[in-house]
C-alpha atoms as a PDB file:
ATOM      1  CA  GLU A   1     -28.064  85.902 -58.243  1.00  0.00           C
ATOM      2  CA  GLN A   2     -28.727  82.645 -60.161  1.00  0.00           C
ATOM      3  CA  ILE A   3     -25.021  81.671 -59.901  1.00  0.00           C
ATOM      4  CA  GLU A   4     -25.146  82.241 -56.108  1.00  0.00           C
ATOM      5  CA  ILE A   5     -28.181  79.996 -55.734  1.00  0.00           C
ATOM      6  CA  TYR A   6     -27.289  77.166 -58.122  1.00  0.00           C
ATOM      7  CA  GLY A   7     -23.505  77.376 -58.582  1.00  0.00           C
ATOM      8  CA  GLU A   8     -21.624  78.382 -61.704  1.00  0.00           C
ATOM      9  CA  GLY A   9     -21.204  74.769 -62.856  1.00  0.00           C
ATOM     10  CA  SER A  10     -24.920  73.998 -62.540  1.00  0.00           C
ATOM     11  CA  PRO A  11     -26.599  72.862 -65.808  1.00  0.00           C
ATOM     12  CA  LEU A  12     -29.315  75.401 -65.104  1.00  0.00           C
ATOM     13  CA  VAL A  13     -26.805  78.304 -65.021  1.00  0.00           C
ATOM     14  CA  ARG A  14     -24.823  76.932 -67.973  1.00  0.00           C
ATOM     15  CA  SER A  15     -27.954  76.868 -70.085  1.00  0.00           C
ATOM     16  CA  MET A  16     -29.868  79.978 -69.011  1.00  0.00           C
ATOM     17  CA  ILE A  17     -26.921  82.308 -68.313  1.00  0.00           C
ATOM     18  CA  TYR A  18     -24.188  81.182 -70.674  1.00  0.00           C
ATOM     19  CA  GLY A  19     -26.450  79.705 -73.369  1.00  0.00           C
ATOM     20  CA  GLU A  20     -24.628  76.366 -73.453  1.00  0.00           C
ATOM     21  CA  PHE A  21     -26.254  73.187 -74.648  1.00  0.00           C
ATOM     22  CA  VAL A  22     -26.405  70.753 -71.744  1.00  0.00           C
ATOM     23  CA  ASP A  23     -26.243  67.083 -72.672  1.00  0.00           C
ATOM     24  CA  ASP A  24     -28.030  64.952 -70.074  1.00  0.00           C
ATOM     25  CA  ALA A  25     -26.149  61.873 -71.220  1.00  0.00           C
ATOM     26  CA  GLY A  26     -22.817  63.214 -69.866  1.00  0.00           C
ATOM     27  CA  GLU A  27     -20.842  62.059 -66.874  1.00  0.00           C
ATOM     28  CA  GLY A  28     -21.663  65.115 -64.813  1.00  0.00           C
ATOM     29  CA  LEU A  29     -22.155  64.333 -61.136  1.00  0.00           C
ATOM     30  CA  VAL A  30     -24.511  66.072 -58.673  1.00  0.00           C
ATOM     31  CA  ILE A  31     -21.567  66.310 -56.215  1.00  0.00           C
ATOM     32  CA  SER A  32     -18.109  66.392 -57.691  1.00  0.00           C
ATOM     33  CA  LEU A  33     -15.177  64.712 -55.941  1.00  0.00           C
ATOM     34  CA  ARG A  34     -13.407  68.059 -55.923  1.00  0.00           C
ATOM     35  CA  ASP A  35     -16.264  69.779 -54.087  1.00  0.00           C
ATOM     36  CA  LEU A  36     -16.629  66.969 -51.608  1.00  0.00           C
ATOM     37  CA  GLU A  37     -12.903  66.866 -50.852  1.00  0.00           C
ATOM     38  CA  GLY A  38     -12.882  70.645 -50.460  1.00  0.00           C
ATOM     39  CA  CYS A  39     -15.677  70.501 -47.915  1.00  0.00           C
ATOM     40  CA  LEU A  40     -14.043  67.631 -45.977  1.00  0.00           C
ATOM     41  CA  LEU A  41     -10.585  69.201 -45.965  1.00  0.00           C
ATOM     42  CA  ASN A  42     -11.750  72.762 -45.236  1.00  0.00           C
ATOM     43  CA  PRO A  43     -14.927  72.500 -43.147  1.00  0.00           C
ATOM     44  CA  PRO A  44     -16.621  75.638 -41.781  1.00  0.00           C
ATOM     45  CA  GLU A  45     -16.428  76.749 -38.173  1.00  0.00           C
ATOM     46  CA  ARG A  46     -18.861  74.824 -35.982  1.00  0.00           C
ATOM     47  CA  GLU A  47     -22.149  76.655 -35.551  1.00  0.00           C
ATOM     48  CA  ASP A  48     -25.021  75.532 -33.335  1.00  0.00           C
ATOM     49  CA  GLY A  49     -28.548  75.912 -34.585  1.00  0.00           C
ATOM     50  CA  VAL A  50     -31.708  74.045 -35.473  1.00  0.00           C
ATOM     51  CA  ARG A  51     -31.686  70.275 -35.318  1.00  0.00           C
ATOM     52  CA  THR A  52     -32.979  68.329 -38.281  1.00  0.00           C
ATOM     53  CA  ALA A  53     -33.086  64.557 -38.684  1.00  0.00           C
ATOM     54  CA  PHE A  54     -33.890  62.613 -41.828  1.00  0.00           C
ATOM     55  CA  VAL A  55     -34.932  58.923 -41.939  1.00  0.00           C
ATOM     56  CA  ASP A  56     -34.497  57.007 -45.174  1.00  0.00           C
ATOM     57  CA  PHE A  57     -36.527  53.820 -44.948  1.00  0.00           C
ATOM     58  CA  ALA A  58     -35.565  50.853 -47.043  1.00  0.00           C
ATOM     59  CA  ALA A  59     -36.853  47.404 -47.939  1.00  0.00           C
ATOM     60  CA  GLY A  60     -35.084  44.163 -48.811  1.00  0.00           C
ATOM     61  CA  GLY A  61     -31.294  44.342 -48.633  1.00  0.00           C
ATOM     62  CA  ASP A  62     -30.986  48.162 -48.731  1.00  0.00           C
ATOM     63  CA  GLU A  63     -30.017  50.138 -45.639  1.00  0.00           C
ATOM     64  CA  CYS A  64     -32.277  52.093 -43.364  1.00  0.00           C
ATOM     65  CA  VAL A  65     -30.502  55.305 -42.409  1.00  0.00           C
ATOM     66  CA  PHE A  66     -31.003  57.941 -39.710  1.00  0.00           C
ATOM     67  CA  ALA A  67     -29.023  61.191 -40.108  1.00  0.00           C
ATOM     68  CA  LEU A  68     -29.059  64.105 -37.673  1.00  0.00           C
ATOM     69  CA  ARG A  69     -27.812  67.606 -38.286  1.00  0.00           C
ATOM     70  CA  ALA A  70     -27.351  70.120 -35.446  1.00  0.00           C
ATOM     71  CA  GLY A  71     -26.662  73.578 -36.824  1.00  0.00           C
ATOM     72  CA  ASN A  72     -24.105  73.120 -39.603  1.00  0.00           C
ATOM     73  CA  LYS A  73     -22.772  69.730 -38.515  1.00  0.00           C
ATOM     74  CA  VAL A  74     -24.108  66.250 -39.291  1.00  0.00           C
ATOM     75  CA  THR A  75     -23.657  64.753 -35.831  1.00  0.00           C
ATOM     76  CA  GLU A  76     -25.230  61.308 -36.164  1.00  0.00           C
ATOM     77  CA  LEU A  77     -25.332  58.675 -38.949  1.00  0.00           C
ATOM     78  CA  ALA A  78     -26.966  55.396 -37.972  1.00  0.00           C
ATOM     79  CA  CYS A  79     -27.344  52.626 -40.579  1.00  0.00           C
ATOM     80  CA  TRP A  80     -28.874  49.190 -40.347  1.00  0.00           C
ATOM     81  CA  ARG A  81     -30.461  46.425 -42.474  1.00  0.00           C
ATOM     82  CA  GLU A  82     -33.667  44.970 -41.137  1.00  0.00           C
ATOM     83  CA  ARG A  83     -36.583  43.156 -42.768  1.00  0.00           C
ATOM     84  CA  ASP A  84     -38.817  43.406 -39.693  1.00  0.00           C
ATOM     85  CA  THR A  85     -40.507  46.792 -39.936  1.00  0.00           C
ATOM     86  CA  ASN A  86     -41.433  46.709 -36.222  1.00  0.00           C
ATOM     87  CA  VAL A  87     -37.741  46.516 -35.329  1.00  0.00           C
ATOM     88  CA  THR A  88     -37.013  49.468 -37.622  1.00  0.00           C
ATOM     89  CA  ILE A  89     -39.726  51.568 -36.018  1.00  0.00           C
ATOM     90  CA  GLY A  90     -38.283  50.695 -32.582  1.00  0.00           C
ATOM     91  CA  LYS A  91     -34.790  51.724 -33.670  1.00  0.00           C
ATOM     92  CA  VAL A  92     -36.054  55.082 -34.989  1.00  0.00           C
ATOM     93  CA  ILE A  93     -37.968  55.809 -31.791  1.00  0.00           C
ATOM     94  CA  ASN A  94     -34.935  54.852 -29.697  1.00  0.00           C
ATOM     95  CA  LEU A  95     -32.785  57.283 -31.721  1.00  0.00           C
ATOM     96  CA  MET A  96     -35.374  60.037 -31.286  1.00  0.00           C
ATOM     97  CA  ASP A  97     -35.472  59.428 -27.520  1.00  0.00           C
ATOM     98  CA  ARG A  98     -31.681  59.283 -27.266  1.00  0.00           C
ATOM     99  CA  HIS A  99     -31.326  62.697 -28.871  1.00  0.00           C
ATOM    100  CA  GLY A 100     -34.499  64.179 -27.337  1.00  0.00           C
ATOM    101  CA  LEU A 101     -36.050  64.859 -30.761  1.00  0.00           C
ATOM    102  CA  THR A 102     -39.645  65.731 -31.441  1.00  0.00           C
ATOM    103  CA  GLY A 103     -41.665  64.962 -34.551  1.00  0.00           C
ATOM    104  CA  GLU A 104     -41.218  68.603 -35.669  1.00  0.00           C
ATOM    105  CA  GLU A 105     -37.484  67.924 -36.027  1.00  0.00           C
ATOM    106  CA  ILE A 106     -37.839  64.684 -38.030  1.00  0.00           C
ATOM    107  CA  TYR A 107     -38.255  64.338 -41.784  1.00  0.00           C
ATOM    108  CA  ALA A 108     -38.825  60.898 -43.315  1.00  0.00           C
ATOM    109  CA  ASP A 109     -39.068  59.391 -46.789  1.00  0.00           C
ATOM    110  CA  GLU A 110     -42.684  58.318 -47.306  1.00  0.00           C
ATOM    111  CA  GLY A 111     -42.100  56.664 -50.694  1.00  0.00           C
ATOM    112  CA  GLY A 112     -42.832  52.955 -51.082  1.00  0.00           C
ATOM    113  CA  LEU A 113     -42.268  51.175 -47.731  1.00  0.00           C
ATOM    114  CA  GLY A 114     -41.872  54.572 -46.080  1.00  0.00           C
ATOM    115  CA  LEU A 115     -45.633  55.297 -46.124  1.00  0.00           C
ATOM    116  CA  PRO A 116     -46.740  52.508 -43.696  1.00  0.00           C
ATOM    117  CA  LEU A 117     -43.650  53.157 -41.524  1.00  0.00           C
ATOM    118  CA  CYS A 118     -44.517  56.864 -41.279  1.00  0.00           C
ATOM    119  CA  ASP A 119     -48.062  55.781 -40.374  1.00  0.00           C
ATOM    120  CA  ALA A 120     -46.655  53.471 -37.710  1.00  0.00           C
ATOM    121  CA  LEU A 121     -44.566  56.304 -36.255  1.00  0.00           C
ATOM    122  CA  ALA A 122     -47.689  58.475 -36.136  1.00  0.00           C
ATOM    123  CA  GLU A 123     -49.629  55.731 -34.345  1.00  0.00           C
ATOM    124  CA  ALA A 124     -46.792  55.531 -31.813  1.00  0.00           C
ATOM    125  CA  GLY A 125     -47.190  59.246 -31.129  1.00  0.00           C
ATOM    126  CA  HIS A 126     -44.465  60.555 -33.419  1.00  0.00           C
ATOM    127  CA  ASP A 127     -46.052  62.516 -36.309  1.00  0.00           C
ATOM    128  CA  VAL A 128     -43.039  63.476 -38.437  1.00  0.00           C
ATOM    129  CA  HIS A 129     -42.700  65.537 -41.604  1.00  0.00           C
ATOM    130  CA  ARG A 130     -43.243  63.298 -44.630  1.00  0.00           C
ATOM    131  CA  VAL A 131     -41.106  63.749 -47.761  1.00  0.00           C
ATOM    132  CA  ASN A 132     -41.963  62.189 -51.084  1.00  0.00           C
ATOM    133  CA  PHE A 133     -38.904  62.267 -53.334  1.00  0.00           C
ATOM    134  CA  GLY A 134     -41.111  62.053 -56.432  1.00  0.00           C
ATOM    135  CA  ALA A 135     -43.376  64.943 -55.406  1.00  0.00           C
ATOM    136  CA  LYS A 136     -43.380  68.340 -57.076  1.00  0.00           C
ATOM    137  CA  ALA A 137     -40.367  70.490 -56.178  1.00  0.00           C
ATOM    138  CA  TYR A 138     -40.758  73.844 -54.454  1.00  0.00           C
ATOM    139  CA  ASP A 139     -38.570  75.381 -57.193  1.00  0.00           C
ATOM    140  CA  ASP A 140     -40.178  74.546 -60.531  1.00  0.00           C
ATOM    141  CA  ARG A 141     -36.802  74.299 -62.236  1.00  0.00           C
ATOM    142  CA  TYR A 142     -36.192  70.952 -60.552  1.00  0.00           C
ATOM    143  CA  GLN A 143     -37.721  67.694 -61.759  1.00  0.00           C
ATOM    144  CA  ASN A 144     -39.033  66.655 -58.339  1.00  0.00           C
ATOM    145  CA  ARG A 145     -38.483  67.045 -54.563  1.00  0.00           C
ATOM    146  CA  GLY A 146     -35.682  64.476 -54.463  1.00  0.00           C
ATOM    147  CA  ALA A 147     -33.685  66.231 -57.172  1.00  0.00           C
ATOM    148  CA  GLU A 148     -34.236  69.572 -55.489  1.00  0.00           C
ATOM    149  CA  MET A 149     -32.933  68.251 -52.137  1.00  0.00           C
ATOM    150  CA  TRP A 150     -29.860  66.602 -53.709  1.00  0.00           C
ATOM    151  CA  HIS A 151     -28.938  69.701 -55.663  1.00  0.00           C
ATOM    152  CA  SER A 152     -29.627  72.105 -52.780  1.00  0.00           C
ATOM    153  CA  ALA A 153     -27.501  70.095 -50.370  1.00  0.00           C
ATOM    154  CA  ALA A 154     -24.798  69.755 -53.057  1.00  0.00           C
ATOM    155  CA  ARG A 155     -24.674  73.530 -53.239  1.00  0.00           C
ATOM    156  CA  ALA A 156     -24.111  73.732 -49.449  1.00  0.00           C
ATOM    157  CA  ILE A 157     -21.249  71.270 -49.823  1.00  0.00           C
ATOM    158  CA  GLN A 158     -19.782  73.190 -52.724  1.00  0.00           C
ATOM    159  CA  LYS A 159     -19.845  76.390 -50.627  1.00  0.00           C
ATOM    160  CA  LYS A 160     -18.282  74.496 -47.600  1.00  0.00           C
ATOM    161  CA  GLU A 161     -21.230  75.353 -45.375  1.00  0.00           C
ATOM    162  CA  VAL A 162     -21.639  71.970 -43.644  1.00  0.00           C
ATOM    163  CA  ILE A 163     -19.479  69.627 -41.584  1.00  0.00           C
ATOM    164  CA  LEU A 164     -19.893  66.040 -42.904  1.00  0.00           C
ATOM    165  CA  PRO A 165     -19.307  62.791 -41.035  1.00  0.00           C
ATOM    166  CA  ASP A 166     -16.216  60.691 -41.691  1.00  0.00           C
ATOM    167  CA  ASP A 167     -17.852  57.818 -43.475  1.00  0.00           C
ATOM    168  CA  PRO A 168     -16.220  56.411 -46.654  1.00  0.00           C
ATOM    169  CA  THR A 169     -19.402  54.655 -47.830  1.00  0.00           C
ATOM    170  CA  LEU A 170     -21.335  57.923 -47.541  1.00  0.00           C
ATOM    171  CA  HIS A 171     -18.639  59.789 -49.478  1.00  0.00           C
ATOM    172  CA  GLN A 172     -18.608  57.173 -52.223  1.00  0.00           C
ATOM    173  CA  GLN A 173     -22.429  57.391 -52.572  1.00  0.00           C
ATOM    174  CA  MET A 174     -22.308  61.174 -52.764  1.00  0.00           C
ATOM    175  CA  VAL A 175     -19.968  61.278 -55.758  1.00  0.00           C
ATOM    176  CA  THR A 176     -21.568  58.588 -57.940  1.00  0.00           C
ATOM    177  CA  ARG A 177     -24.996  59.985 -58.743  1.00  0.00           C
ATOM    178  CA  ARG A 178     -25.218  61.736 -62.098  1.00  0.00           C
ATOM    179  CA  VAL A 179     -27.058  64.862 -63.084  1.00  0.00           C
ATOM    180  CA  GLU A 180     -29.944  64.489 -65.522  1.00  0.00           C
ATOM    181  CA  VAL A 181     -31.782  67.181 -67.424  1.00  0.00           C
ATOM    182  CA  THR A 182     -35.307  66.375 -68.575  1.00  0.00           C
ATOM    183  CA  ARG A 183     -36.624  67.062 -72.060  1.00  0.00           C
ATOM    184  CA  THR A 184     -38.470  70.098 -70.561  1.00  0.00           C
ATOM    185  CA  GLY A 185     -35.196  71.504 -69.228  1.00  0.00           C
ATOM    186  CA  LYS A 186     -35.724  70.634 -65.566  1.00  0.00           C
ATOM    187  CA  LEU A 187     -32.769  69.588 -63.427  1.00  0.00           C
ATOM    188  CA  GLY A 188     -32.982  66.029 -62.053  1.00  0.00           C
ATOM    189  CA  VAL A 189     -30.867  63.188 -60.674  1.00  0.00           C
ATOM    190  CA  GLU A 190     -30.068  59.752 -62.053  1.00  0.00           C
ATOM    191  CA  PRO A 191     -32.868  57.257 -61.170  1.00  0.00           C
ATOM    192  CA  LYS A 192     -31.788  54.499 -58.770  1.00  0.00           C
ATOM    193  CA  ASP A 193     -32.652  51.668 -61.165  1.00  0.00           C
ATOM    194  CA  ARG A 194     -30.175  53.216 -63.617  1.00  0.00           C
ATOM    195  CA  MET A 195     -27.566  53.390 -60.891  1.00  0.00           C
ATOM    196  CA  ARG A 196     -28.131  49.733 -60.123  1.00  0.00           C
ATOM    197  CA  ALA A 197     -27.649  48.933 -63.825  1.00  0.00           C
ATOM    198  CA  ARG A 198     -24.236  50.534 -63.498  1.00  0.00           C
ATOM    199  CA  GLY A 199     -23.443  48.226 -60.531  1.00  0.00           C
ATOM    200  CA  LEU A 200     -24.030  50.765 -57.801  1.00  0.00           C
ATOM    201  CA  ASP A 201     -25.995  50.300 -54.589  1.00  0.00           C
ATOM    202  CA  SER A 202     -28.882  52.504 -53.613  1.00  0.00           C
ATOM    203  CA  PRO A 203     -27.418  55.745 -52.170  1.00  0.00           C
ATOM    204  CA  ASP A 204     -29.343  55.444 -48.917  1.00  0.00           C
ATOM    205  CA  ARG A 205     -26.751  57.111 -46.704  1.00  0.00           C
ATOM    206  CA  ALA A 206     -26.438  60.002 -49.126  1.00  0.00           C
ATOM    207  CA  ASP A 207     -30.258  60.355 -49.302  1.00  0.00           C
ATOM    208  CA  ALA A 208     -30.482  60.676 -45.497  1.00  0.00           C
ATOM    209  CA  VAL A 209     -27.496  63.020 -45.019  1.00  0.00           C
ATOM    210  CA  LEU A 210     -28.416  65.285 -47.932  1.00  0.00           C
ATOM    211  CA  GLY A 211     -31.993  65.200 -46.675  1.00  0.00           C
ATOM    212  CA  CYS A 212     -31.061  66.447 -43.217  1.00  0.00           C
ATOM    213  CA  ILE A 213     -28.915  69.196 -44.823  1.00  0.00           C
ATOM    214  CA  ALA A 214     -31.669  70.376 -47.210  1.00  0.00           C
ATOM    215  CA  CYS A 215     -34.600  70.123 -44.797  1.00  0.00           C
ATOM    216  CA  GLY A 216     -35.433  72.212 -41.783  1.00  0.00           C
ATOM    217  CA  GLY A 217     -33.583  75.433 -42.595  1.00  0.00           C
ATOM    218  CA  GLY A 218     -30.585  76.661 -40.665  1.00  0.00           C
ATOM    219  CA  ILE A 219     -28.034  76.595 -43.484  1.00  0.00           C
ATOM    220  CA  GLY A 220     -28.002  79.691 -45.660  1.00  0.00           C
ATOM    221  CA  THR A 221     -31.468  80.863 -46.618  1.00  0.00           C
ATOM    222  CA  MET A 222     -32.728  78.871 -49.571  1.00  0.00           C
ATOM    223  CA  TRP A 223     -33.542  75.806 -47.428  1.00  0.00           C
ATOM    224  CA  GLU A 224     -36.089  77.691 -45.310  1.00  0.00           C
ATOM    225  CA  GLN A 225     -38.720  76.569 -47.789  1.00  0.00           C
ATOM    226  CA  TYR A 226     -38.482  73.016 -46.387  1.00  0.00           C
ATOM    227  CA  ARG A 227     -39.632  74.145 -42.952  1.00  0.00           C
ATOM    228  CA  GLN A 228     -43.224  73.331 -42.174  1.00  0.00           C
ATOM    229  CA  VAL A 229     -45.375  76.384 -42.775  1.00  0.00           C
ATOM    230  CA  THR A 230     -47.269  77.535 -39.657  1.00  0.00           C
ATOM    231  CA  ARG A 231     -50.927  77.945 -40.426  1.00  0.00           C
ATOM    232  CA  PRO A 232     -52.378  81.320 -39.270  1.00  0.00           C
ATOM    233  CA  SER A 233     -55.201  81.315 -36.798  1.00  0.00           C
ATOM    234  CA  MET A 234     -58.746  82.350 -37.774  1.00  0.00           C
ATOM    235  CA  ASP A 235     -58.290  85.556 -35.718  1.00  0.00           C
ATOM    236  CA  ASP A 236     -55.159  86.360 -37.745  1.00  0.00           C
ATOM    237  CA  LEU A 237     -57.019  85.731 -40.988  1.00  0.00           C
ATOM    238  CA  TYR A 238     -59.939  87.968 -39.986  1.00  0.00           C
ATOM    239  CA  GLU A 239     -57.558  90.736 -38.856  1.00  0.00           C
ATOM    240  CA  GLN A 240     -55.644  90.547 -42.149  1.00  0.00           C
ATOM    241  CA  ALA A 241     -58.858  90.589 -44.182  1.00  0.00           C
ATOM    242  CA  ALA A 242     -60.089  93.661 -42.276  1.00  0.00           C
ATOM    243  CA  SER A 243     -56.789  95.428 -42.808  1.00  0.00           C
ATOM    244  CA  ASP A 244     -56.808  94.625 -46.535  1.00  0.00           C
ATOM    245  CA  TYR A 245     -60.383  95.931 -46.785  1.00  0.00           C
ATOM    246  CA  GLU A 246     -59.456  99.255 -45.075  1.00  0.00           C
ATOM    247  CA  ASN A 247     -56.339  99.765 -47.117  1.00  0.00           C
ATOM    248  CA  ASP A 248     -57.702  98.796 -50.577  1.00  0.00           C
ATOM    249  CA  ALA A 249     -58.848 101.566 -52.880  1.00  0.00           C
ATOM    250  CA  LEU A 250     -62.510 101.424 -53.811  1.00  0.00           C
ATOM    251  CA  PRO A 251     -63.384 100.855 -57.475  1.00  0.00           C
ATOM    252  CA  ALA A 252     -64.557 103.921 -59.396  1.00  0.00           C
ATOM    253  CA  GLY A 253     -68.165 104.774 -58.758  1.00  0.00           C
ATOM    254  CA  MET A 254     -68.379 103.080 -55.310  1.00  0.00           C
ATOM    255  CA  SER A 255     -68.359 104.669 -51.907  1.00  0.00           C
ATOM    256  CA  ALA A 256     -67.614 103.354 -48.462  1.00  0.00           C
ATOM    257  CA  GLY A 257     -71.115 104.267 -47.317  1.00  0.00           C
ATOM    258  CA  GLY A 258     -72.627 101.191 -48.924  1.00  0.00           C
END
C-alpha cells in the first residue's frame, strides 16, 4: 500500500519498508528524467474531468505562470514576466474569463508577493483557493505543503496518469529539483535559494503545472485531500448530533429517562 502511494523509489519507502539509510545529500531528483520521458512518450488516454488551474505569482525577474488541467491533461500553460502587479492581476482575470473558470477552480500561491495578489483577486470578485507552500502538509510525512504537492504530482507522472504540455523549459525545471530528507525523517524538496546557488532559475513553470496536477482531485484518489472541504450546515450538524445521541450506549448506571 505504501509503495502504491509513494512509489518504490521514494525515500520514505526505502527507509520505512526496506530499512535503507537515505542520505539527503545525494543527487536524487523529485522527478527523474526516466519517469518524465516515460510519461511524455507513453501518455495515458485522454480523460475529461474536473478543471483545476494553478497560478504561481512571482516578483522581480521570475515568471508568473498560469497552468490549467482539464481531467488528466494540462491544457494551458501561460508564462509572463511583469513588475506591475495590476497588469498581472488583469492577465489572470483575462485567462479565467477566456476559459470560463470560477474561483472554486483556481488555486494560487499566496507566499510572499502572492498574498496581496490573492487579496487583489478577491477584491475583484475572484476569491480563489490559497496555497502556502511552506504550510503544514496534509500528510505528516512531508516537510510542508509544497513538498507534498511536488512529490504527489511526481507520483502521477511516474504512473503515467497525466498528459503534460510540450514545453522544454518546463521539462528542464521538472528534472532539476532534488529530494531532501529532514533530520526528523520528513520528505522535502530542495529550497529555491539552494537551486539558485547551483545556477538554476526558480522552477516557476514546474510549480504551476505540478500544482494544477496535485490540487483539485480528479487524478487517482490521493489528491482529493486538496479539494476544498464543504462545511456542513447547522441542520446537518444537529441531525448528526441527534443520531449520535440515539445510537450511543449509555454509561453504566444511567438511564434514558433522565
